[in-house]
Protein backbone atom coordinates (compact mmCIF):
# COMPACT_ATOMS: atom_id res chain seq x y z
CA MET A 1 -27.30 -10.32 -1.36
CA ASN A 2 -26.47 -14.01 -1.88
CA ILE A 3 -26.51 -15.66 -5.29
CA LYS A 4 -26.93 -19.45 -5.40
CA VAL A 5 -25.57 -21.41 -8.35
CA ALA A 6 -26.27 -25.13 -8.75
CA MET A 7 -24.06 -27.24 -11.01
CA THR A 8 -24.56 -30.90 -11.86
CA ALA A 9 -21.43 -33.01 -12.23
CA ILE A 10 -21.13 -35.75 -14.86
CA ALA A 11 -21.66 -38.44 -12.20
CA GLY A 12 -24.97 -36.85 -11.27
CA CYS A 13 -23.84 -35.21 -8.02
CA ALA A 14 -25.04 -31.69 -7.31
CA LEU A 15 -22.64 -28.97 -6.16
CA THR A 16 -23.94 -25.72 -4.72
CA LEU A 17 -21.73 -22.63 -4.65
CA THR A 18 -22.61 -19.47 -2.76
CA ALA A 19 -21.23 -16.15 -3.93
CA THR A 20 -21.66 -12.98 -1.92
CA LYS A 21 -21.99 -9.71 -3.77
CA VAL A 22 -19.36 -7.24 -2.60
CA SER A 23 -20.80 -3.81 -2.00
CA SER A 24 -18.88 -0.60 -2.41
CA GLU A 25 -19.26 -0.15 1.36
CA THR A 26 -17.23 -3.30 2.14
CA LYS A 27 -14.31 -2.42 4.38
CA PRO A 28 -10.90 -3.31 2.89
CA VAL A 29 -8.92 -6.07 4.59
CA GLN A 30 -6.29 -4.74 6.99
CA HIS A 31 -2.74 -5.38 5.71
CA ILE A 32 0.22 -5.31 8.11
CA GLU A 33 3.86 -5.51 7.00
CA ILE A 34 6.20 -7.22 9.48
CA SER A 35 9.95 -7.24 8.97
CA ALA A 36 11.99 -9.99 10.64
CA SER A 37 15.71 -9.49 11.23
CA ARG A 38 18.18 -10.54 13.88
CA PHE A 39 16.81 -10.32 16.63
CA SER A 40 13.51 -8.51 16.34
CA PHE A 41 10.26 -8.09 14.49
CA GLU A 42 9.40 -4.59 13.30
CA PRO A 43 6.93 -3.47 14.36
CA HIS A 44 7.28 -5.44 17.59
CA GLU A 45 3.59 -4.86 18.50
CA ILE A 46 0.48 -4.88 16.32
CA THR A 47 -3.22 -4.38 17.02
CA VAL A 48 -6.01 -6.08 15.06
CA LYS A 49 -9.79 -6.34 15.54
CA LYS A 50 -11.57 -9.48 16.63
CA GLY A 51 -13.56 -11.05 13.79
CA GLU A 52 -12.00 -8.91 11.04
CA PRO A 53 -9.73 -10.48 8.41
CA VAL A 54 -6.09 -9.39 8.35
CA VAL A 55 -3.21 -10.13 6.00
CA LEU A 56 0.17 -10.31 7.75
CA SER A 57 3.07 -9.99 5.29
CA VAL A 58 6.20 -11.29 7.01
CA HIS A 59 9.51 -10.45 5.31
CA SER A 60 12.96 -11.71 6.33
CA THR A 61 15.84 -9.33 5.75
CA ASP A 62 18.84 -11.44 6.73
CA VAL A 63 18.40 -15.15 7.55
CA THR A 64 15.55 -17.65 7.79
CA HIS A 65 13.09 -16.67 10.52
CA GLY A 66 9.84 -18.16 11.73
CA LEU A 67 6.79 -16.65 13.35
CA VAL A 68 4.52 -18.60 15.67
CA VAL A 69 1.55 -17.29 17.65
CA GLU A 70 -0.05 -20.55 18.81
CA GLU A 71 -3.29 -19.03 20.18
CA LEU A 72 -4.05 -17.36 16.84
CA GLY A 73 -3.06 -20.30 14.64
CA ILE A 74 -0.13 -18.40 13.12
CA ARG A 75 2.83 -20.50 12.01
CA THR A 76 5.19 -19.68 9.16
CA GLU A 77 8.84 -19.79 8.14
CA VAL A 78 10.39 -17.15 5.89
CA LYS A 79 13.74 -17.45 4.11
CA LYS A 80 16.20 -14.58 3.65
CA GLY A 81 14.87 -12.00 1.20
CA GLU A 82 11.47 -13.66 0.91
CA SER A 83 7.98 -12.86 2.19
CA GLU A 84 5.00 -14.90 3.33
CA ASP A 85 1.42 -13.64 3.45
CA LEU A 86 -0.72 -15.00 6.29
CA ASN A 87 -4.49 -14.56 6.17
CA ILE A 88 -6.00 -14.59 9.65
CA THR A 89 -9.30 -13.67 11.26
CA PRO A 90 -8.76 -13.55 15.04
CA GLU A 91 -11.76 -14.90 16.97
CA THR A 92 -10.50 -14.27 20.52
CA ALA A 93 -9.75 -10.89 22.08
CA GLY A 94 -6.62 -10.58 24.18
CA THR A 95 -2.87 -10.05 24.05
CA PHE A 96 -0.78 -12.81 22.52
CA GLU A 97 2.97 -13.23 22.27
CA GLY A 98 4.51 -14.57 19.10
CA LYS A 99 8.09 -15.72 18.76
CA CYS A 100 10.64 -16.57 16.14
CA ALA A 101 10.32 -20.28 15.43
CA HIS A 102 13.59 -20.76 13.55
CA PHE A 103 16.89 -20.50 15.45
CA CYS A 104 18.60 -17.38 14.08
CA GLY A 105 21.51 -16.85 16.50
CA LYS A 106 22.31 -15.83 20.09
CA GLY A 107 19.46 -13.32 20.44
CA HIS A 108 16.83 -15.72 19.07
CA GLY A 109 15.10 -16.16 22.43
CA SER A 110 14.31 -12.46 22.74
CA MET A 111 12.76 -12.19 19.25
CA THR A 112 9.06 -11.66 19.99
CA LEU A 113 5.99 -10.03 18.46
CA VAL A 114 3.03 -8.92 20.57
CA VAL A 115 -0.42 -9.16 18.94
CA HIS A 116 -3.27 -7.24 20.58
CA VAL A 117 -6.71 -8.42 19.44
CA VAL A 118 -9.36 -5.86 20.42
CA GLU A 119 -13.17 -5.97 20.33
């Protein structure tokens, strides 16, 4: 069920907002925790569904790390001891390889994360 609300601004412009009622049957958003440490992501493979929103929480345990998955529009940098939440809704099915985007030492080149997007 959609509810439309019209508001008139002081300058006379109209703004329309659309709110969607959330039913008790709404599926919760998938939440995946990813830990980054020299020289790996844990888990090193994740699976998400095409068209469904996902929150990726990336946490760095030791130094600054980055995570980039170009095809999915994922790009972040996380400092030691901090976390970043990424909200994504993958629109393309396939297997995509992410990598650490912040040089973190000799094993940096092998630091990858595989994202499977399924129908």
